[in-house]
């Protein structure tokens, strides 16, 4: 594997006055991980992040609005051909 981070964490945040730039900066500066994407608009933002502590990302994002379409995949298991 080419990453030190185990979990591919993806979700959508639905809310009001969301700022993809602010969300990106907060996650990048607060939580350890890589491959961060935060894209969307003021009412819907998609998050993608590789981390060892996905629950921290989910907890933070839940403070911004409603979170849904949550996917947390274990990339280490997937790299061994197992279900992630």
PDB file of N, CA and C in Angstrom:
ATOM      1  N   UNK A   1       0.842  -1.189   0.000  1.00  0.00           N
ATOM      2  CA  UNK A   1       0.000   0.000   0.000  1.00  0.00           C
ATOM      3  C   UNK A   1       0.881   1.244   0.000  1.00  0.00           C
ATOM      4  N   UNK A   2       0.415   2.273  -0.645  1.00  0.00           N
ATOM      5  CA  UNK A   2       1.173   3.518  -0.728  1.00  0.00           C
ATOM      6  C   UNK A   2       0.674   4.585   0.240  1.00  0.00           C
ATOM      7  N   UNK A   3      -0.032   4.154   1.272  1.00  0.00           N
ATOM      8  CA  UNK A   3      -0.525   5.092   2.279  1.00  0.00           C
ATOM      9  C   UNK A   3      -0.331   4.502   3.676  1.00  0.00           C
ATOM     10  N   UNK A   4      -0.142   5.370   4.638  1.00  0.00           N
ATOM     11  CA  UNK A   4      -0.050   4.938   6.034  1.00  0.00           C
ATOM     12  C   UNK A   4      -1.423   4.950   6.701  1.00  0.00           C
ATOM     13  N   UNK A   5      -2.434   5.370   5.960  1.00  0.00           N
ATOM     14  CA  UNK A   5      -3.766   5.540   6.535  1.00  0.00           C
ATOM     15  C   UNK A   5      -4.686   4.426   6.059  1.00  0.00           C
ATOM     16  N   UNK A   6      -5.359   3.840   6.997  1.00  0.00           N
ATOM     17  CA  UNK A   6      -6.111   2.608   6.764  1.00  0.00           C
ATOM     18  C   UNK A   6      -7.486   2.828   6.142  1.00  0.00           C
ATOM     19  N   UNK A   7      -8.190   3.877   6.557  1.00  0.00           N
ATOM     20  CA  UNK A   7      -9.601   4.008   6.199  1.00  0.00           C
ATOM     21  C   UNK A   7      -9.864   5.098   5.169  1.00  0.00           C
ATOM     22  N   UNK A   8     -10.512   4.694   4.088  1.00  0.00           N
ATOM     23  CA  UNK A   8     -11.006   5.620   3.077  1.00  0.00           C
ATOM     24  C   UNK A   8     -12.385   6.058   3.568  1.00  0.00           C
ATOM     25  N   UNK A   9     -12.495   7.323   3.968  1.00  0.00           N
ATOM     26  CA  UNK A   9     -13.710   7.846   4.579  1.00  0.00           C
ATOM     27  C   UNK A   9     -14.369   8.827   3.614  1.00  0.00           C
ATOM     28  N   UNK A  10     -15.631   8.571   3.294  1.00  0.00           N
ATOM     29  CA  UNK A  10     -16.371   9.429   2.370  1.00  0.00           C
ATOM     30  C   UNK A  10     -17.758   9.695   2.935  1.00  0.00           C
ATOM     31  N   UNK A  11     -18.243  10.905   2.721  1.00  0.00           N
ATOM     32  CA  UNK A  11     -19.580  11.254   3.181  1.00  0.00           C
ATOM     33  C   UNK A  11     -20.036  12.545   2.521  1.00  0.00           C
ATOM     34  N   UNK A  12     -21.308  12.802   2.657  1.00  0.00           N
ATOM     35  CA  UNK A  12     -21.895  14.067   2.223  1.00  0.00           C
ATOM     36  C   UNK A  12     -22.380  14.820   3.444  1.00  0.00           C
ATOM     37  N   UNK A  13     -22.210  16.141   3.403  1.00  0.00           N
ATOM     38  CA  UNK A  13     -22.738  17.028   4.445  1.00  0.00           C
ATOM     39  C   UNK A  13     -23.776  17.929   3.784  1.00  0.00           C
ATOM     40  N   UNK A  14     -24.983  17.934   4.333  1.00  0.00           N
ATOM     41  CA  UNK A  14     -26.021  18.840   3.855  1.00  0.00           C
ATOM     42  C   UNK A  14     -26.283  19.861   4.947  1.00  0.00           C
ATOM     43  N   UNK A  15     -26.223  21.132   4.579  1.00  0.00           N
ATOM     44  CA  UNK A  15     -26.429  22.171   5.585  1.00  0.00           C
ATOM     45  C   UNK A  15     -26.636  23.521   4.936  1.00  0.00           C
ATOM     46  N   UNK A  16     -26.399  24.557   5.702  1.00  0.00           N
ATOM     47  CA  UNK A  16     -26.547  25.925   5.215  1.00  0.00           C
ATOM     48  C   UNK A  16     -25.234  26.663   5.399  1.00  0.00           C
ATOM     49  N   UNK A  17     -24.914  27.500   4.439  1.00  0.00           N
ATOM     50  CA  UNK A  17     -23.705  28.329   4.493  1.00  0.00           C
ATOM     51  C   UNK A  17     -22.432  27.508   4.700  1.00  0.00           C
ATOM     52  N   UNK A  18     -22.377  26.326   4.063  1.00  0.00           N
ATOM     53  CA  UNK A  18     -21.182  25.499   4.138  1.00  0.00           C
ATOM     54  C   UNK A  18     -20.081  26.120   3.290  1.00  0.00           C
ATOM     55  N   UNK A  19     -18.861  25.992   3.724  1.00  0.00           N
ATOM     56  CA  UNK A  19     -17.713  26.497   2.964  1.00  0.00           C
ATOM     57  C   UNK A  19     -16.737  25.350   2.748  1.00  0.00           C
ATOM     58  N   UNK A  20     -16.632  24.890   1.501  1.00  0.00           N
ATOM     59  CA  UNK A  20     -15.727  23.779   1.230  1.00  0.00           C
ATOM     60  C   UNK A  20     -14.286  24.151   1.597  1.00  0.00           C
ATOM     61  N   UNK A  21     -13.896  25.399   1.406  1.00  0.00           N
ATOM     62  CA  UNK A  21     -12.541  25.825   1.751  1.00  0.00           C
ATOM     63  C   UNK A  21     -12.301  25.760   3.260  1.00  0.00           C
ATOM     64  N   UNK A  22     -13.265  26.254   4.043  1.00  0.00           N
ATOM     65  CA  UNK A  22     -13.116  26.212   5.501  1.00  0.00           C
ATOM     66  C   UNK A  22     -13.102  24.779   6.023  1.00  0.00           C
ATOM     67  N   UNK A  23     -13.969  23.941   5.465  1.00  0.00           N
ATOM     68  CA  UNK A  23     -14.021  22.538   5.879  1.00  0.00           C
ATOM     69  C   UNK A  23     -12.703  21.849   5.529  1.00  0.00           C
ATOM     70  N   UNK A  24     -12.213  22.071   4.312  1.00  0.00           N
ATOM     71  CA  UNK A  24     -10.933  21.493   3.883  1.00  0.00           C
ATOM     72  C   UNK A  24      -9.819  21.904   4.835  1.00  0.00           C
ATOM     73  N   UNK A  25      -9.719  23.204   5.087  1.00  0.00           N
ATOM     74  CA  UNK A  25      -8.641  23.713   5.953  1.00  0.00           C
ATOM     75  C   UNK A  25      -8.740  23.142   7.359  1.00  0.00           C
ATOM     76  N   UNK A  26      -9.954  23.058   7.902  1.00  0.00           N
ATOM     77  CA  UNK A  26     -10.118  22.540   9.267  1.00  0.00           C
ATOM     78  C   UNK A  26      -9.693  21.069   9.341  1.00  0.00           C
ATOM     79  N   UNK A  27     -10.148  20.277   8.402  1.00  0.00           N
ATOM     80  CA  UNK A  27      -9.781  18.853   8.412  1.00  0.00           C
ATOM     81  C   UNK A  27      -8.278  18.698   8.240  1.00  0.00           C
ATOM     82  N   UNK A  28      -7.710  19.408   7.284  1.00  0.00           N
ATOM     83  CA  UNK A  28      -6.269  19.292   7.008  1.00  0.00           C
ATOM     84  C   UNK A  28      -5.430  19.695   8.220  1.00  0.00           C
ATOM     85  N   UNK A  29      -5.852  20.740   8.916  1.00  0.00           N
ATOM     86  CA  UNK A  29      -5.067  21.265  10.039  1.00  0.00           C
ATOM     87  C   UNK A  29      -5.357  20.587  11.372  1.00  0.00           C
ATOM     88  N   UNK A  30      -6.417  19.785  11.442  1.00  0.00           N
ATOM     89  CA  UNK A  30      -6.838  19.214  12.716  1.00  0.00           C
ATOM     90  C   UNK A  30      -6.670  17.701  12.790  1.00  0.00           C
ATOM     91  N   UNK A  31      -6.886  17.013  11.683  1.00  0.00           N
ATOM     92  CA  UNK A  31      -6.927  15.553  11.693  1.00  0.00           C
ATOM     93  C   UNK A  31      -5.823  14.976  10.819  1.00  0.00           C
ATOM     94  N   UNK A  32      -5.181  13.927  11.319  1.00  0.00           N
ATOM     95  CA  UNK A  32      -4.103  13.294  10.581  1.00  0.00           C
ATOM     96  C   UNK A  32      -4.673  12.438   9.452  1.00  0.00           C
ATOM     97  N   UNK A  33      -4.103  12.584   8.254  1.00  0.00           N
ATOM     98  CA  UNK A  33      -4.549  11.796   7.117  1.00  0.00           C
ATOM     99  C   UNK A  33      -3.990  12.349   5.820  1.00  0.00           C
ATOM    100  N   UNK A  34      -4.503  11.829   4.684  1.00  0.00           N
ATOM    101  CA  UNK A  34      -4.077  12.320   3.374  1.00  0.00           C
ATOM    102  C   UNK A  34      -5.198  12.126   2.350  1.00  0.00           C
ATOM    103  N   UNK A  35      -4.935  12.561   1.139  1.00  0.00           N
ATOM    104  CA  UNK A  35      -5.873  12.437   0.010  1.00  0.00           C
ATOM    105  C   UNK A  35      -7.201  13.131   0.288  1.00  0.00           C
ATOM    106  N   UNK A  36      -7.147  14.318   0.871  1.00  0.00           N
ATOM    107  CA  UNK A  36      -8.357  15.054   1.237  1.00  0.00           C
ATOM    108  C   UNK A  36      -8.987  15.751   0.043  1.00  0.00           C
ATOM    109  N   UNK A  37     -10.292  15.565  -0.075  1.00  0.00           N
ATOM    110  CA  UNK A  37     -11.114  16.332  -1.010  1.00  0.00           C
ATOM    111  C   UNK A  37     -12.315  16.861  -0.238  1.00  0.00           C
ATOM    112  N   UNK A  38     -12.650  18.114  -0.469  1.00  0.00           N
ATOM    113  CA  UNK A  38     -13.869  18.709   0.071  1.00  0.00           C
ATOM    114  C   UNK A  38     -14.438  19.560  -1.058  1.00  0.00           C
ATOM    115  N   UNK A  39     -15.479  19.061  -1.707  1.00  0.00           N
ATOM    116  CA  UNK A  39     -16.033  19.751  -2.870  1.00  0.00           C
ATOM    117  C   UNK A  39     -17.540  19.887  -2.732  1.00  0.00           C
ATOM    118  N   UNK A  40     -18.059  21.000  -3.227  1.00  0.00           N
ATOM    119  CA  UNK A  40     -19.495  21.203  -3.188  1.00  0.00           C
ATOM    120  C   UNK A  40     -19.852  22.668  -3.231  1.00  0.00           C
ATOM    121  N   UNK A  41     -20.945  22.982  -2.555  1.00  0.00           N
ATOM    122  CA  UNK A  41     -21.421  24.362  -2.523  1.00  0.00           C
ATOM    123  C   UNK A  41     -21.926  24.679  -1.112  1.00  0.00           C
ATOM    124  N   UNK A  42     -22.690  25.753  -0.975  1.00  0.00           N
ATOM    125  CA  UNK A  42     -23.126  26.202   0.352  1.00  0.00           C
ATOM    126  C   UNK A  42     -24.112  25.264   1.033  1.00  0.00           C
ATOM    127  N   UNK A  43     -24.728  24.348   0.272  1.00  0.00           N
ATOM    128  CA  UNK A  43     -25.726  23.469   0.876  1.00  0.00           C
ATOM    129  C   UNK A  43     -25.336  21.991   0.877  1.00  0.00           C
ATOM    130  N   UNK A  44     -24.302  21.609   0.103  1.00  0.00           N
ATOM    131  CA  UNK A  44     -23.911  20.202   0.033  1.00  0.00           C
ATOM    132  C   UNK A  44     -22.414  20.102  -0.249  1.00  0.00           C
ATOM    133  N   UNK A  45     -21.694  19.382   0.615  1.00  0.00           N
ATOM    134  CA  UNK A  45     -20.252  19.196   0.448  1.00  0.00           C
ATOM    135  C   UNK A  45     -19.931  17.715   0.560  1.00  0.00           C
ATOM    136  N   UNK A  46     -19.143  17.224  -0.383  1.00  0.00           N
ATOM    137  CA  UNK A  46     -18.657  15.838  -0.334  1.00  0.00           C
ATOM    138  C   UNK A  46     -17.259  15.843   0.268  1.00  0.00           C
ATOM    139  N   UNK A  47     -17.038  14.922   1.202  1.00  0.00           N
ATOM    140  CA  UNK A  47     -15.741  14.758   1.848  1.00  0.00           C
ATOM    141  C   UNK A  47     -15.171  13.410   1.464  1.00  0.00           C
ATOM    142  N   UNK A  48     -13.882  13.396   1.170  1.00  0.00           N
ATOM    143  CA  UNK A  48     -13.127  12.158   0.939  1.00  0.00           C
ATOM    144  C   UNK A  48     -11.809  12.337   1.670  1.00  0.00           C
ATOM    145  N   UNK A  49     -11.455  11.362   2.543  1.00  0.00           N
ATOM    146  CA  UNK A  49     -10.239  11.497   3.342  1.00  0.00           C
ATOM    147  C   UNK A  49      -9.736  10.125   3.762  1.00  0.00           C
ATOM    148  N   UNK A  50      -8.433   9.942   3.683  1.00  0.00           N
ATOM    149  CA  UNK A  50      -7.797   8.730   4.184  1.00  0.00           C
ATOM    150  C   UNK A  50      -7.254   9.036   5.570  1.00  0.00           C
ATOM    151  N   UNK A  51      -7.667   8.243   6.561  1.00  0.00           N
ATOM    152  CA  UNK A  51      -7.296   8.495   7.951  1.00  0.00           C
ATOM    153  C   UNK A  51      -7.308   7.188   8.736  1.00  0.00           C
ATOM    154  N   UNK A  52      -6.692   7.184   9.884  1.00  0.00           N
ATOM    155  CA  UNK A  52      -6.781   6.038  10.781  1.00  0.00           C
ATOM    156  C   UNK A  52      -7.876   6.206  11.819  1.00  0.00           C
ATOM    157  N   UNK A  53      -8.500   7.388  11.835  1.00  0.00           N
ATOM    158  CA  UNK A  53      -9.518   7.689  12.841  1.00  0.00           C
ATOM    159  C   UNK A  53     -10.761   8.299  12.179  1.00  0.00           C
ATOM    160  N   UNK A  54     -11.481   7.498  11.381  1.00  0.00           N
ATOM    161  CA  UNK A  54     -12.619   8.050  10.634  1.00  0.00           C
ATOM    162  C   UNK A  54     -13.711   8.625  11.516  1.00  0.00           C
ATOM    163  N   UNK A  55     -13.846   8.118  12.733  1.00  0.00           N
ATOM    164  CA  UNK A  55     -14.895   8.616  13.632  1.00  0.00           C
ATOM    165  C   UNK A  55     -14.694  10.088  13.953  1.00  0.00           C
ATOM    166  N   UNK A  56     -13.444  10.568  13.952  1.00  0.00           N
ATOM    167  CA  UNK A  56     -13.209  11.992  14.211  1.00  0.00           C
ATOM    168  C   UNK A  56     -13.737  12.851  13.057  1.00  0.00           C
ATOM    169  N   UNK A  57     -13.575  12.371  11.848  1.00  0.00           N
ATOM    170  CA  UNK A  57     -14.077  13.106  10.681  1.00  0.00           C
ATOM    171  C   UNK A  57     -15.602  13.135  10.721  1.00  0.00           C
ATOM    172  N   UNK A  58     -16.205  11.989  11.017  1.00  0.00           N
ATOM    173  CA  UNK A  58     -17.667  11.924  11.084  1.00  0.00           C
ATOM    174  C   UNK A  58     -18.207  12.840  12.181  1.00  0.00           C
ATOM    175  N   UNK A  59     -17.555  12.837  13.324  1.00  0.00           N
ATOM    176  CA  UNK A  59     -17.999  13.685  14.432  1.00  0.00           C
ATOM    177  C   UNK A  59     -17.915  15.167  14.059  1.00  0.00           C
ATOM    178  N   UNK A  60     -16.786  15.574  13.482  1.00  0.00           N
ATOM    179  CA  UNK A  60     -16.640  16.972  13.080  1.00  0.00           C
ATOM    180  C   UNK A  60     -17.696  17.355  12.038  1.00  0.00           C
ATOM    181  N   UNK A  61     -17.824  16.544  11.006  1.00  0.00           N
ATOM    182  CA  UNK A  61     -18.756  16.874   9.930  1.00  0.00           C
ATOM    183  C   UNK A  61     -20.196  16.929  10.426  1.00  0.00           C
ATOM    184  N   UNK A  62     -20.521  16.123  11.429  1.00  0.00           N
ATOM    185  CA  UNK A  62     -21.892  16.131  11.955  1.00  0.00           C
ATOM    186  C   UNK A  62     -22.215  17.444  12.666  1.00  0.00           C
ATOM    187  N   UNK A  63     -21.194  18.213  13.046  1.00  0.00           N
ATOM    188  CA  UNK A  63     -21.444  19.517  13.675  1.00  0.00           C
ATOM    189  C   UNK A  63     -21.793  20.573  12.635  1.00  0.00           C
ATOM    190  N   UNK A  64     -21.578  20.266  11.347  1.00  0.00           N
ATOM    191  CA  UNK A  64     -21.793  21.238  10.279  1.00  0.00           C
ATOM    192  C   UNK A  64     -23.152  21.108   9.616  1.00  0.00           C
ATOM    193  N   UNK A  65     -23.770  19.954   9.764  1.00  0.00           N
ATOM    194  CA  UNK A  65     -25.057  19.707   9.121  1.00  0.00           C
ATOM    195  C   UNK A  65     -25.384  18.233   9.193  1.00  0.00           C
ATOM    196  N   UNK A  66     -26.323  17.825   8.376  1.00  0.00           N
ATOM    197  CA  UNK A  66     -26.716  16.419   8.336  1.00  0.00           C
ATOM    198  C   UNK A  66     -25.715  15.647   7.494  1.00  0.00           C
ATOM    199  N   UNK A  67     -25.199  14.543   8.020  1.00  0.00           N
ATOM    200  CA  UNK A  67     -24.259  13.721   7.255  1.00  0.00           C
ATOM    201  C   UNK A  67     -24.982  12.467   6.771  1.00  0.00           C
ATOM    202  N   UNK A  68     -24.652  12.058   5.536  1.00  0.00           N
ATOM    203  CA  UNK A  68     -25.275  10.866   4.965  1.00  0.00           C
ATOM    204  C   UNK A  68     -24.392  10.319   3.853  1.00  0.00           C
ATOM    205  N   UNK A  69     -24.829   9.211   3.255  1.00  0.00           N
ATOM    206  CA  UNK A  69     -24.022   8.476   2.266  1.00  0.00           C
ATOM    207  C   UNK A  69     -22.617   8.234   2.808  1.00  0.00           C
ATOM    208  N   UNK A  70     -22.561   7.767   4.047  1.00  0.00           N
ATOM    209  CA  UNK A  70     -21.288   7.551   4.738  1.00  0.00           C
ATOM    210  C   UNK A  70     -20.701   6.211   4.307  1.00  0.00           C
ATOM    211  N   UNK A  71     -19.438   6.251   3.873  1.00  0.00           N
ATOM    212  CA  UNK A  71     -18.722   5.040   3.491  1.00  0.00           C
ATOM    213  C   UNK A  71     -17.365   5.082   4.175  1.00  0.00           C
ATOM    214  N   UNK A  72     -17.046   4.026   4.924  1.00  0.00           N
ATOM    215  CA  UNK A  72     -15.725   3.881   5.530  1.00  0.00           C
ATOM    216  C   UNK A  72     -15.212   2.521   5.098  1.00  0.00           C
ATOM    217  N   UNK A  73     -14.173   2.521   4.268  1.00  0.00           N
ATOM    218  CA  UNK A  73     -13.618   1.277   3.753  1.00  0.00           C
ATOM    219  C   UNK A  73     -12.212   1.066   4.287  1.00  0.00           C
ATOM    220  N   UNK A  74     -11.912  -0.169   4.626  1.00  0.00           N
ATOM    221  CA  UNK A  74     -10.605  -0.552   5.152  1.00  0.00           C
ATOM    222  C   UNK A  74      -9.695  -0.880   3.964  1.00  0.00           C
ATOM    223  N   UNK A  75      -8.846   0.051   3.609  1.00  0.00           N
ATOM    224  CA  UNK A  75      -7.979  -0.123   2.436  1.00  0.00           C
ATOM    225  C   UNK A  75      -6.928  -1.198   2.652  1.00  0.00           C
ATOM    226  N   UNK A  76      -6.514  -1.437   3.900  1.00  0.00           N
ATOM    227  CA  UNK A  76      -5.531  -2.490   4.172  1.00  0.00           C
ATOM    228  C   UNK A  76      -6.148  -3.853   3.862  1.00  0.00           C
ATOM    229  N   UNK A  77      -7.390  -4.058   4.276  1.00  0.00           N
ATOM    230  CA  UNK A  77      -8.078  -5.321   3.958  1.00  0.00           C
ATOM    231  C   UNK A  77      -8.269  -5.453   2.457  1.00  0.00           C
ATOM    232  N   UNK A  78      -8.673  -4.380   1.808  1.00  0.00           N
ATOM    233  CA  UNK A  78      -8.905  -4.432   0.367  1.00  0.00           C
ATOM    234  C   UNK A  78      -7.623  -4.781  -0.373  1.00  0.00           C
ATOM    235  N   UNK A  79      -6.483  -4.279   0.082  1.00  0.00           N
ATOM    236  CA  UNK A  79      -5.221  -4.560  -0.596  1.00  0.00           C
ATOM    237  C   UNK A  79      -4.827  -6.034  -0.493  1.00  0.00           C
ATOM    238  N   UNK A  80      -5.429  -6.747   0.470  1.00  0.00           N
ATOM    239  CA  UNK A  80      -5.182  -8.184   0.642  1.00  0.00           C
ATOM    240  C   UNK A  80      -6.261  -9.010  -0.070  1.00  0.00           C
ATOM    241  N   UNK A  81      -7.120  -8.324  -0.830  1.00  0.00           N
ATOM    242  CA  UNK A  81      -8.179  -9.017  -1.553  1.00  0.00           C
ATOM    243  C   UNK A  81      -9.380  -9.355  -0.703  1.00  0.00           C
ATOM    244  N   UNK A  82      -9.452  -8.784   0.490  1.00  0.00           N
ATOM    245  CA  UNK A  82     -10.583  -9.021   1.392  1.00  0.00           C
ATOM    246  C   UNK A  82     -11.622  -7.918   1.246  1.00  0.00           C
ATOM    247  N   UNK A  83     -12.821  -8.200   1.710  1.00  0.00           N
ATOM    248  CA  UNK A  83     -13.859  -7.171   1.688  1.00  0.00           C
ATOM    249  C   UNK A  83     -13.498  -6.073   2.662  1.00  0.00           C
ATOM    250  N   UNK A  84     -13.547  -4.818   2.205  1.00  0.00           N
ATOM    251  CA  UNK A  84     -13.116  -3.689   3.021  1.00  0.00           C
ATOM    252  C   UNK A  84     -14.225  -3.070   3.767  1.00  0.00           C
TER     253      UNK A  84
END
